[in-house]
Amino acid sequence: VIDASNENYHLQKETTLKVLKELKVDSKKIIDVYNKVDA
C-alpha cells in the first residue's frame, strides 16, 4: 500500500522494499496498491 498523495511516495516505496528485502520476502508476489487517489 502506497500513499499516492505523498509527493515522496517513490522514496517511501523504496524504504518499504528495502525492509522487505531484509526480511527476504521481496521475491514474493507483490501488488503495488496506490492508495488515496481521491486526494
PDB file of all heavy atoms in Angstrom:
ATOM      1  N   VAL A   1       0.850  -1.194   0.000  1.00  0.00           N
ATOM      2  CA  VAL A   1       0.000   0.000   0.000  1.00  0.00           C
ATOM      3  C   VAL A   1       0.884   1.241   0.000  1.00  0.00           C
ATOM      4  O   VAL A   1       1.737   1.420   0.869  1.00  0.00           O
ATOM      5  CB  VAL A   1      -0.941   0.008   1.218  1.00  0.00           C
ATOM      6  CG1 VAL A   1      -1.896   1.200   1.141  1.00  0.00           C
ATOM      7  CG2 VAL A   1      -1.736  -1.301   1.280  1.00  0.00           C
ATOM      8  N   ILE A   2       0.670   2.111  -0.984  1.00  0.00           N
ATOM      9  CA  ILE A   2       1.490   3.306  -1.187  1.00  0.00           C
ATOM     10  C   ILE A   2       0.590   4.541  -1.145  1.00  0.00           C
ATOM     11  O   ILE A   2      -0.480   4.558  -1.755  1.00  0.00           O
ATOM     12  CB  ILE A   2       2.211   3.238  -2.550  1.00  0.00           C
ATOM     13  CG1 ILE A   2       3.066   1.959  -2.632  1.00  0.00           C
ATOM     14  CG2 ILE A   2       3.062   4.474  -2.792  1.00  0.00           C
ATOM     15  CD1 ILE A   2       3.443   1.571  -4.043  1.00  0.00           C
ATOM     16  N   ASP A   3       1.018   5.562  -0.416  1.00  0.00           N
ATOM     17  CA  ASP A   3       0.253   6.805  -0.329  1.00  0.00           C
ATOM     18  C   ASP A   3       0.522   7.646  -1.577  1.00  0.00           C
ATOM     19  O   ASP A   3       1.524   8.364  -1.655  1.00  0.00           O
ATOM     20  CB  ASP A   3       0.650   7.578   0.934  1.00  0.00           C
ATOM     21  CG  ASP A   3      -0.125   8.887   1.089  1.00  0.00           C
ATOM     22  OD1 ASP A   3      -0.947   9.211   0.204  1.00  0.00           O
ATOM     23  OD2 ASP A   3       0.093   9.583   2.097  1.00  0.00           O
ATOM     24  N   ALA A   4      -0.380   7.554  -2.550  1.00  0.00           N
ATOM     25  CA  ALA A   4      -0.181   8.255  -3.820  1.00  0.00           C
ATOM     26  C   ALA A   4      -0.238   9.772  -3.661  1.00  0.00           C
ATOM     27  O   ALA A   4       0.254  10.509  -4.527  1.00  0.00           O
ATOM     28  CB  ALA A   4      -1.230   7.799  -4.829  1.00  0.00           C
ATOM     29  N   SER A   5      -0.827  10.255  -2.561  1.00  0.00           N
ATOM     30  CA  SER A   5      -0.949  11.698  -2.361  1.00  0.00           C
ATOM     31  C   SER A   5       0.321  12.321  -1.788  1.00  0.00           C
ATOM     32  O   SER A   5       0.438  13.540  -1.716  1.00  0.00           O
ATOM     33  CB  SER A   5      -2.124  12.002  -1.424  1.00  0.00           C
ATOM     34  OG  SER A   5      -1.864  11.536  -0.106  1.00  0.00           O
ATOM     35  N   ASN A   6       1.275  11.483  -1.369  1.00  0.00           N
ATOM     36  CA  ASN A   6       2.532  11.985  -0.815  1.00  0.00           C
ATOM     37  C   ASN A   6       3.528  12.193  -1.945  1.00  0.00           C
ATOM     38  O   ASN A   6       3.808  11.277  -2.714  1.00  0.00           O
ATOM     39  CB  ASN A   6       3.088  10.999   0.213  1.00  0.00           C
ATOM     40  CG  ASN A   6       4.248  11.579   1.010  1.00  0.00           C
ATOM     41  OD1 ASN A   6       5.260  11.991   0.456  1.00  0.00           O
ATOM     42  ND2 ASN A   6       4.092  11.602   2.324  1.00  0.00           N
ATOM     43  N   GLU A   7       4.056  13.401  -2.057  1.00  0.00           N
ATOM     44  CA  GLU A   7       4.952  13.713  -3.175  1.00  0.00           C
ATOM     45  C   GLU A   7       6.250  12.908  -3.130  1.00  0.00           C
ATOM     46  O   GLU A   7       6.963  12.802  -4.137  1.00  0.00           O
ATOM     47  CB  GLU A   7       5.265  15.204  -3.215  1.00  0.00           C
ATOM     48  CG  GLU A   7       5.967  15.736  -1.979  1.00  0.00           C
ATOM     49  CD  GLU A   7       6.206  17.233  -2.044  1.00  0.00           C
ATOM     50  OE1 GLU A   7       5.539  17.903  -2.852  1.00  0.00           O
ATOM     51  OE2 GLU A   7       7.062  17.720  -1.293  1.00  0.00           O
ATOM     52  N   ASN A   8       6.554  12.328  -1.981  1.00  0.00           N
ATOM     53  CA  ASN A   8       7.754  11.496  -1.860  1.00  0.00           C
ATOM     54  C   ASN A   8       7.413  10.011  -1.828  1.00  0.00           C
ATOM     55  O   ASN A   8       8.162   9.215  -1.265  1.00  0.00           O
ATOM     56  CB  ASN A   8       8.529  11.872  -0.591  1.00  0.00           C
ATOM     57  CG  ASN A   8       9.162  13.253  -0.677  1.00  0.00           C
ATOM     58  OD1 ASN A   8      10.036  13.496  -1.500  1.00  0.00           O
ATOM     59  ND2 ASN A   8       8.699  14.148   0.172  1.00  0.00           N
ATOM     60  N   TYR A   9       6.286   9.655  -2.454  1.00  0.00           N
ATOM     61  CA  TYR A   9       5.844   8.258  -2.336  1.00  0.00           C
ATOM     62  C   TYR A   9       6.853   7.276  -2.929  1.00  0.00           C
ATOM     63  O   TYR A   9       6.963   6.140  -2.476  1.00  0.00           O
ATOM     64  CB  TYR A   9       4.463   8.073  -2.965  1.00  0.00           C
ATOM     65  CG  TYR A   9       4.393   8.095  -4.468  1.00  0.00           C
ATOM     66  CD1 TYR A   9       4.838   7.008  -5.226  1.00  0.00           C
ATOM     67  CD2 TYR A   9       3.843   9.178  -5.139  1.00  0.00           C
ATOM     68  CE1 TYR A   9       4.758   7.021  -6.603  1.00  0.00           C
ATOM     69  CE2 TYR A   9       3.761   9.198  -6.520  1.00  0.00           C
ATOM     70  CZ  TYR A   9       4.221   8.122  -7.248  1.00  0.00           C
ATOM     71  OH  TYR A   9       4.140   8.132  -8.622  1.00  0.00           O
ATOM     72  N   HIS A  10       7.592   7.706  -3.968  1.00  0.00           N
ATOM     73  CA  HIS A  10       8.566   6.788  -4.572  1.00  0.00           C
ATOM     74  C   HIS A  10       9.703   6.476  -3.600  1.00  0.00           C
ATOM     75  O   HIS A  10      10.233   5.367  -3.582  1.00  0.00           O
ATOM     76  CB  HIS A  10       9.119   7.376  -5.882  1.00  0.00           C
ATOM     77  CG  HIS A  10       9.779   8.708  -5.737  1.00  0.00           C
ATOM     78  ND1 HIS A  10       9.077   9.856  -5.458  1.00  0.00           N
ATOM     79  CD2 HIS A  10      11.092   9.074  -5.822  1.00  0.00           C
ATOM     80  CE1 HIS A  10       9.911  10.877  -5.391  1.00  0.00           C
ATOM     81  NE2 HIS A  10      11.136  10.436  -5.586  1.00  0.00           N
ATOM     82  N   LEU A  11      10.059   7.443  -2.745  1.00  0.00           N
ATOM     83  CA  LEU A  11      11.084   7.202  -1.728  1.00  0.00           C
ATOM     84  C   LEU A  11      10.536   6.326  -0.609  1.00  0.00           C
ATOM     85  O   LEU A  11      11.235   5.471  -0.063  1.00  0.00           O
ATOM     86  CB  LEU A  11      11.591   8.531  -1.168  1.00  0.00           C
ATOM     87  CG  LEU A  11      12.332   9.433  -2.163  1.00  0.00           C
ATOM     88  CD1 LEU A  11      12.635  10.788  -1.546  1.00  0.00           C
ATOM     89  CD2 LEU A  11      13.619   8.771  -2.626  1.00  0.00           C
ATOM     90  N   GLN A  12       9.266   6.551  -0.262  1.00  0.00           N
ATOM     91  CA  GLN A  12       8.633   5.709   0.752  1.00  0.00           C
ATOM     92  C   GLN A  12       8.527   4.268   0.253  1.00  0.00           C
ATOM     93  O   GLN A  12       8.707   3.326   1.020  1.00  0.00           O
ATOM     94  CB  GLN A  12       7.252   6.265   1.094  1.00  0.00           C
ATOM     95  CG  GLN A  12       7.283   7.635   1.756  1.00  0.00           C
ATOM     96  CD  GLN A  12       5.906   8.130   2.139  1.00  0.00           C
ATOM     97  OE1 GLN A  12       4.892   7.548   1.764  1.00  0.00           O
ATOM     98  NE2 GLN A  12       5.855   9.220   2.895  1.00  0.00           N
ATOM     99  N   LYS A  13       8.246   4.135  -1.049  1.00  0.00           N
ATOM    100  CA  LYS A  13       8.161   2.811  -1.658  1.00  0.00           C
ATOM    101  C   LYS A  13       9.506   2.094  -1.553  1.00  0.00           C
ATOM    102  O   LYS A  13       9.577   0.912  -1.187  1.00  0.00           O
ATOM    103  CB  LYS A  13       7.729   2.938  -3.119  1.00  0.00           C
ATOM    104  CG  LYS A  13       7.638   1.613  -3.867  1.00  0.00           C
ATOM    105  CD  LYS A  13       7.212   1.842  -5.312  1.00  0.00           C
ATOM    106  CE  LYS A  13       7.200   0.522  -6.084  1.00  0.00           C
ATOM    107  NZ  LYS A  13       6.787   0.723  -7.504  1.00  0.00           N
ATOM    108  N   GLU A  14      10.578   2.824  -1.844  1.00  0.00           N
ATOM    109  CA  GLU A  14      11.924   2.238  -1.759  1.00  0.00           C
ATOM    110  C   GLU A  14      12.253   1.817  -0.331  1.00  0.00           C
ATOM    111  O   GLU A  14      12.892   0.776  -0.111  1.00  0.00           O
ATOM    112  CB  GLU A  14      12.956   3.256  -2.264  1.00  0.00           C
ATOM    113  CG  GLU A  14      12.912   3.486  -3.767  1.00  0.00           C
ATOM    114  CD  GLU A  14      13.863   4.585  -4.210  1.00  0.00           C
ATOM    115  OE1 GLU A  14      14.698   5.015  -3.385  1.00  0.00           O
ATOM    116  OE2 GLU A  14      13.767   5.025  -5.366  1.00  0.00           O
ATOM    117  N   THR A  15      11.829   2.614   0.646  1.00  0.00           N
ATOM    118  CA  THR A  15      12.077   2.280   2.054  1.00  0.00           C
ATOM    119  C   THR A  15      11.414   0.960   2.415  1.00  0.00           C
ATOM    120  O   THR A  15      12.020   0.095   3.054  1.00  0.00           O
ATOM    121  CB  THR A  15      11.548   3.392   2.975  1.00  0.00           C
ATOM    122  OG1 THR A  15      12.244   4.613   2.685  1.00  0.00           O
ATOM    123  CG2 THR A  15      11.745   3.039   4.441  1.00  0.00           C
ATOM    124  N   THR A  16      10.156   0.799   2.004  1.00  0.00           N
ATOM    125  CA  THR A  16       9.430  -0.442   2.301  1.00  0.00           C
ATOM    126  C   THR A  16      10.091  -1.635   1.623  1.00  0.00           C
ATOM    127  O   THR A  16      10.294  -2.684   2.245  1.00  0.00           O
ATOM    128  CB  THR A  16       7.967  -0.326   1.835  1.00  0.00           C
ATOM    129  OG1 THR A  16       7.344   0.773   2.507  1.00  0.00           O
ATOM    130  CG2 THR A  16       7.197  -1.606   2.149  1.00  0.00           C
ATOM    131  N   LEU A  17      10.435  -1.482   0.347  1.00  0.00           N
ATOM    132  CA  LEU A  17      11.065  -2.577  -0.388  1.00  0.00           C
ATOM    133  C   LEU A  17      12.405  -2.962   0.226  1.00  0.00           C
ATOM    134  O   LEU A  17      12.788  -4.141   0.223  1.00  0.00           O
ATOM    135  CB  LEU A  17      11.249  -2.191  -1.856  1.00  0.00           C
ATOM    136  CG  LEU A  17       9.960  -2.042  -2.671  1.00  0.00           C
ATOM    137  CD1 LEU A  17      10.260  -1.541  -4.079  1.00  0.00           C
ATOM    138  CD2 LEU A  17       9.195  -3.364  -2.728  1.00  0.00           C
ATOM    139  N   LYS A  18      13.099  -1.975   0.775  1.00  0.00           N
ATOM    140  CA  LYS A  18      14.381  -2.243   1.435  1.00  0.00           C
ATOM    141  C   LYS A  18      14.186  -3.144   2.651  1.00  0.00           C
ATOM    142  O   LYS A  18      14.939  -4.098   2.866  1.00  0.00           O
ATOM    143  CB  LYS A  18      15.036  -0.921   1.851  1.00  0.00           C
ATOM    144  CG  LYS A  18      16.405  -1.079   2.491  1.00  0.00           C
ATOM    145  CD  LYS A  18      16.983   0.280   2.855  1.00  0.00           C
ATOM    146  CE  LYS A  18      18.330   0.138   3.554  1.00  0.00           C
ATOM    147  NZ  LYS A  18      18.876   1.469   3.940  1.00  0.00           N
ATOM    148  N   VAL A  19      13.144  -2.850   3.452  1.00  0.00           N
ATOM    149  CA  VAL A  19      12.866  -3.671   4.634  1.00  0.00           C
ATOM    150  C   VAL A  19      12.406  -5.064   4.213  1.00  0.00           C
ATOM    151  O   VAL A  19      12.802  -6.071   4.809  1.00  0.00           O
ATOM    152  CB  VAL A  19      11.811  -3.003   5.543  1.00  0.00           C
ATOM    153  CG1 VAL A  19      11.483  -3.900   6.732  1.00  0.00           C
ATOM    154  CG2 VAL A  19      12.309  -1.651   6.029  1.00  0.00           C
ATOM    155  N   LEU A  20      11.570  -5.141   3.172  1.00  0.00           N
ATOM    156  CA  LEU A  20      11.112  -6.443   2.678  1.00  0.00           C
ATOM    157  C   LEU A  20      12.291  -7.286   2.197  1.00  0.00           C
ATOM    158  O   LEU A  20      12.300  -8.511   2.366  1.00  0.00           O
ATOM    159  CB  LEU A  20      10.094  -6.251   1.552  1.00  0.00           C
ATOM    160  CG  LEU A  20       8.755  -5.629   1.941  1.00  0.00           C
ATOM    161  CD1 LEU A  20       7.873  -5.439   0.707  1.00  0.00           C
ATOM    162  CD2 LEU A  20       8.026  -6.470   2.985  1.00  0.00           C
ATOM    163  N   LYS A  21      13.276  -6.615   1.627  1.00  0.00           N
ATOM    164  CA  LYS A  21      14.470  -7.335   1.184  1.00  0.00           C
ATOM    165  C   LYS A  21      15.240  -7.866   2.379  1.00  0.00           C
ATOM    166  O   LYS A  21      15.762  -8.987   2.352  1.00  0.00           O
ATOM    167  CB  LYS A  21      15.356  -6.407   0.348  1.00  0.00           C
ATOM    168  CG  LYS A  21      16.513  -7.122  -0.335  1.00  0.00           C
ATOM    169  CD  LYS A  21      17.228  -6.199  -1.310  1.00  0.00           C
ATOM    170  CE  LYS A  21      18.333  -6.965  -2.048  1.00  0.00           C
ATOM    171  NZ  LYS A  21      19.025  -6.099  -3.031  1.00  0.00           N
ATOM    172  N   GLU A  22      15.316  -7.067   3.455  1.00  0.00           N
ATOM    173  CA  GLU A  22      15.977  -7.510   4.679  1.00  0.00           C
ATOM    174  C   GLU A  22      15.275  -8.732   5.263  1.00  0.00           C
ATOM    175  O   GLU A  22      15.904  -9.610   5.851  1.00  0.00           O
ATOM    176  CB  GLU A  22      16.008  -6.384   5.719  1.00  0.00           C
ATOM    177  CG  GLU A  22      16.959  -5.252   5.382  1.00  0.00           C
ATOM    178  CD  GLU A  22      16.949  -4.151   6.438  1.00  0.00           C
ATOM    179  OE1 GLU A  22      16.520  -4.427   7.571  1.00  0.00           O
ATOM    180  OE2 GLU A  22      17.371  -3.031   6.125  1.00  0.00           O
ATOM    181  N   LEU A  23      13.963  -8.780   5.090  1.00  0.00           N
ATOM    182  CA  LEU A  23      13.181  -9.919   5.582  1.00  0.00           C
ATOM    183  C   LEU A  23      13.198 -11.089   4.601  1.00  0.00           C
ATOM    184  O   LEU A  23      12.622 -12.141   4.885  1.00  0.00           O
ATOM    185  CB  LEU A  23      11.727  -9.484   5.830  1.00  0.00           C
ATOM    186  CG  LEU A  23      11.500  -8.471   6.947  1.00  0.00           C
ATOM    187  CD1 LEU A  23      10.073  -7.951   6.912  1.00  0.00           C
ATOM    188  CD2 LEU A  23      11.802  -9.076   8.301  1.00  0.00           C
ATOM    189  N   LYS A  24      13.854 -10.874   3.440  1.00  0.00           N
ATOM    190  CA  LYS A  24      13.993 -11.904   2.407  1.00  0.00           C
ATOM    191  C   LYS A  24      12.638 -12.369   1.857  1.00  0.00           C
ATOM    192  O   LYS A  24      12.426 -13.549   1.603  1.00  0.00           O
ATOM    193  CB  LYS A  24      14.791 -13.096   2.946  1.00  0.00           C
ATOM    194  CG  LYS A  24      16.203 -12.720   3.361  1.00  0.00           C
ATOM    195  CD  LYS A  24      16.976 -13.921   3.915  1.00  0.00           C
ATOM    196  CE  LYS A  24      18.385 -13.498   4.312  1.00  0.00           C
ATOM    197  NZ  LYS A  24      19.173 -14.620   4.898  1.00  0.00           N
ATOM    198  N   VAL A  25      11.728 -11.405   1.691  1.00  0.00           N
ATOM    199  CA  VAL A  25      10.416 -11.732   1.115  1.00  0.00           C
ATOM    200  C   VAL A  25      10.159 -10.929  -0.155  1.00  0.00           C
ATOM    201  O   VAL A  25       9.048 -10.943  -0.690  1.00  0.00           O
ATOM    202  CB  VAL A  25       9.272 -11.481   2.129  1.00  0.00           C
ATOM    203  CG1 VAL A  25       9.395 -12.406   3.320  1.00  0.00           C
ATOM    204  CG2 VAL A  25       9.239 -10.019   2.573  1.00  0.00           C
ATOM    205  N   ASP A  26      11.185 -10.225  -0.633  1.00  0.00           N
ATOM    206  CA  ASP A  26      11.000  -9.374  -1.808  1.00  0.00           C
ATOM    207  C   ASP A  26      10.780 -10.184  -3.085  1.00  0.00           C
ATOM    208  O   ASP A  26      10.375  -9.637  -4.112  1.00  0.00           O
ATOM    209  CB  ASP A  26      12.193  -8.430  -1.989  1.00  0.00           C
ATOM    210  CG  ASP A  26      13.527  -9.174  -2.040  1.00  0.00           C
ATOM    211  OD1 ASP A  26      13.728 -10.075  -1.207  1.00  0.00           O
ATOM    212  OD2 ASP A  26      14.358  -8.852  -2.906  1.00  0.00           O
ATOM    213  N   SER A  27      11.036 -11.500  -3.027  1.00  0.00           N
ATOM    214  CA  SER A  27      10.816 -12.345  -4.200  1.00  0.00           C
ATOM    215  C   SER A  27       9.367 -12.838  -4.290  1.00  0.00           C
ATOM    216  O   SER A  27       8.966 -13.433  -5.297  1.00  0.00           O
ATOM    217  CB  SER A  27      11.757 -13.556  -4.163  1.00  0.00           C
ATOM    218  OG  SER A  27      11.529 -14.336  -2.996  1.00  0.00           O
ATOM    219  N   LYS A  28       8.559 -12.589  -3.249  1.00  0.00           N
ATOM    220  CA  LYS A  28       7.152 -12.982  -3.272  1.00  0.00           C
ATOM    221  C   LYS A  28       6.370 -12.111  -4.262  1.00  0.00           C
ATOM    222  O   LYS A  28       6.827 -11.038  -4.661  1.00  0.00           O
ATOM    223  CB  LYS A  28       6.535 -12.849  -1.872  1.00  0.00           C
ATOM    224  CG  LYS A  28       6.977 -13.925  -0.896  1.00  0.00           C
ATOM    225  CD  LYS A  28       6.282 -13.734   0.447  1.00  0.00           C
ATOM    226  CE  LYS A  28       6.633 -14.868   1.395  1.00  0.00           C
ATOM    227  NZ  LYS A  28       5.974 -16.126   1.024  1.00  0.00           N
ATOM    228  N   LYS A  29       5.205 -12.581  -4.619  1.00  0.00           N
ATOM    229  CA  LYS A  29       4.338 -11.800  -5.497  1.00  0.00           C
ATOM    230  C   LYS A  29       3.890 -10.536  -4.774  1.00  0.00           C
ATOM    231  O   LYS A  29       3.317 -10.595  -3.677  1.00  0.00           O
ATOM    232  CB  LYS A  29       3.116 -12.631  -5.898  1.00  0.00           C
ATOM    233  CG  LYS A  29       2.148 -11.910  -6.828  1.00  0.00           C
ATOM    234  CD  LYS A  29       2.729 -11.722  -8.214  1.00  0.00           C
ATOM    235  CE  LYS A  29       1.741 -11.102  -9.177  1.00  0.00           C
ATOM    236  NZ  LYS A  29       2.248 -11.006 -10.538  1.00  0.00           N
ATOM    237  N   ILE A  30       4.174  -9.381  -5.372  1.00  0.00           N
ATOM    238  CA  ILE A  30       3.820  -8.091  -4.762  1.00  0.00           C
ATOM    239  C   ILE A  30       2.953  -7.295  -5.724  1.00  0.00           C
ATOM    240  O   ILE A  30       3.311  -7.109  -6.891  1.00  0.00           O
ATOM    241  CB  ILE A  30       5.075  -7.270  -4.394  1.00  0.00           C
ATOM    242  CG1 ILE A  30       5.963  -8.040  -3.404  1.00  0.00           C
ATOM    243  CG2 ILE A  30       4.680  -5.917  -3.807  1.00  0.00           C
ATOM    244  CD1 ILE A  30       7.264  -7.336  -3.067  1.00  0.00           C
ATOM    245  N   ILE A  31       1.813  -6.843  -5.224  1.00  0.00           N
ATOM    246  CA  ILE A  31       0.938  -5.951  -5.988  1.00  0.00           C
ATOM    247  C   ILE A  31       1.064  -4.553  -5.390  1.00  0.00           C
ATOM    248  O   ILE A  31       0.854  -4.363  -4.184  1.00  0.00           O
ATOM    249  CB  ILE A  31      -0.539  -6.408  -5.930  1.00  0.00           C
ATOM    250  CG1 ILE A  31      -0.699  -7.828  -6.489  1.00  0.00           C
ATOM    251  CG2 ILE A  31      -1.428  -5.418  -6.695  1.00  0.00           C
ATOM    252  CD1 ILE A  31      -0.381  -7.960  -7.956  1.00  0.00           C
ATOM    253  N   ASP A  32       1.436  -3.572  -6.208  1.00  0.00           N
ATOM    254  CA  ASP A  32       1.532  -2.188  -5.737  1.00  0.00           C
ATOM    255  C   ASP A  32       0.137  -1.559  -5.749  1.00  0.00           C
ATOM    256  O   ASP A  32      -0.487  -1.443  -6.811  1.00  0.00           O
ATOM    257  CB  ASP A  32       2.470  -1.379  -6.625  1.00  0.00           C
ATOM    258  CG  ASP A  32       3.934  -1.768  -6.438  1.00  0.00           C
ATOM    259  OD1 ASP A  32       4.266  -2.280  -5.345  1.00  0.00           O
ATOM    260  OD2 ASP A  32       4.726  -1.577  -7.368  1.00  0.00           O
ATOM    261  N   VAL A  33      -0.339  -1.167  -4.566  1.00  0.00           N
ATOM    262  CA  VAL A  33      -1.673  -0.576  -4.435  1.00  0.00           C
ATOM    263  C   VAL A  33      -1.509   0.897  -4.069  1.00  0.00           C
ATOM    264  O   VAL A  33      -1.226   1.245  -2.923  1.00  0.00           O
ATOM    265  CB  VAL A  33      -2.497  -1.308  -3.349  1.00  0.00           C
ATOM    266  CG1 VAL A  33      -3.896  -0.696  -3.251  1.00  0.00           C
ATOM    267  CG2 VAL A  33      -2.583  -2.795  -3.664  1.00  0.00           C
ATOM    268  N   TYR A  34      -1.653   1.769  -5.074  1.00  0.00           N
ATOM    269  CA  TYR A  34      -1.525   3.203  -4.843  1.00  0.00           C
ATOM    270  C   TYR A  34      -2.841   3.717  -4.261  1.00  0.00           C
ATOM    271  O   TYR A  34      -3.855   3.799  -4.953  1.00  0.00           O
ATOM    272  CB  TYR A  34      -1.179   3.925  -6.146  1.00  0.00           C
ATOM    273  CG  TYR A  34       0.253   3.689  -6.589  1.00  0.00           C
ATOM    274  CD1 TYR A  34       0.592   2.535  -7.287  1.00  0.00           C
ATOM    275  CD2 TYR A  34       1.253   4.598  -6.284  1.00  0.00           C
ATOM    276  CE1 TYR A  34       1.900   2.301  -7.689  1.00  0.00           C
ATOM    277  CE2 TYR A  34       2.569   4.379  -6.681  1.00  0.00           C
ATOM    278  CZ  TYR A  34       2.877   3.226  -7.375  1.00  0.00           C
ATOM    279  OH  TYR A  34       4.184   3.006  -7.762  1.00  0.00           O
ATOM    280  N   ASN A  35      -2.793   4.082  -2.992  1.00  0.00           N
ATOM    281  CA  ASN A  35      -3.982   4.487  -2.251  1.00  0.00           C
ATOM    282  C   ASN A  35      -4.123   6.021  -2.236  1.00  0.00           C
ATOM    283  O   ASN A  35      -3.182   6.740  -2.581  1.00  0.00           O
ATOM    284  CB  ASN A  35      -3.890   3.933  -0.825  1.00  0.00           C
ATOM    285  CG  ASN A  35      -5.174   4.098  -0.043  1.00  0.00           C
ATOM    286  OD1 ASN A  35      -6.262   4.166  -0.622  1.00  0.00           O
ATOM    287  ND2 ASN A  35      -5.078   4.176   1.267  1.00  0.00           N
ATOM    288  N   LYS A  36      -5.281   6.499  -1.830  1.00  0.00           N
ATOM    289  CA  LYS A  36      -5.586   7.932  -1.661  1.00  0.00           C
ATOM    290  C   LYS A  36      -5.581   8.698  -2.986  1.00  0.00           C
ATOM    291  O   LYS A  36      -5.222   9.882  -3.033  1.00  0.00           O
ATOM    292  CB  LYS A  36      -4.610   8.581  -0.669  1.00  0.00           C
ATOM    293  CG  LYS A  36      -4.530   7.885   0.682  1.00  0.00           C
ATOM    294  CD  LYS A  36      -3.641   8.623   1.660  1.00  0.00           C
ATOM    295  CE  LYS A  36      -3.492   7.871   2.973  1.00  0.00           C
ATOM    296  NZ  LYS A  36      -2.646   8.580   3.952  1.00  0.00           N
ATOM    297  N   VAL A  37      -5.991   8.028  -4.079  1.00  0.00           N
ATOM    298  CA  VAL A  37      -6.034   8.725  -5.376  1.00  0.00           C
ATOM    299  C   VAL A  37      -7.122   9.788  -5.404  1.00  0.00           C
ATOM    300  O   VAL A  37      -7.121  10.654  -6.284  1.00  0.00           O
ATOM    301  CB  VAL A  37      -6.232   7.733  -6.546  1.00  0.00           C
ATOM    302  CG1 VAL A  37      -5.039   6.805  -6.673  1.00  0.00           C
ATOM    303  CG2 VAL A  37      -7.526   6.941  -6.393  1.00  0.00           C
ATOM    304  N   ASP A  38      -8.050   9.741  -4.440  1.00  0.00           N
ATOM    305  CA  ASP A  38      -9.077  10.778  -4.356  1.00  0.00           C
ATOM    306  C   ASP A  38      -8.479  12.132  -3.967  1.00  0.00           C
ATOM    307  O   ASP A  38      -9.110  13.176  -4.164  1.00  0.00           O
ATOM    308  CB  ASP A  38     -10.147  10.382  -3.329  1.00  0.00           C
ATOM    309  CG  ASP A  38      -9.562  10.130  -1.952  1.00  0.00           C
ATOM    310  OD1 ASP A  38      -8.680   9.253  -1.850  1.00  0.00           O
ATOM    311  OD2 ASP A  38      -9.969  10.798  -0.981  1.00  0.00           O
ATOM    312  N   ALA A  39      -7.249  12.097  -3.413  1.00  0.00           N
ATOM    313  CA  ALA A  39      -6.620  13.323  -2.926  1.00  0.00           C
ATOM    314  C   ALA A  39      -5.656  13.938  -3.941  1.00  0.00           C
ATOM    315  O   ALA A  39      -4.985  14.918  -3.639  1.00  0.00           O
ATOM    316  CB  ALA A  39      -5.881  13.042  -1.619  1.00  0.00           C
TER     317      ALA A  39
END
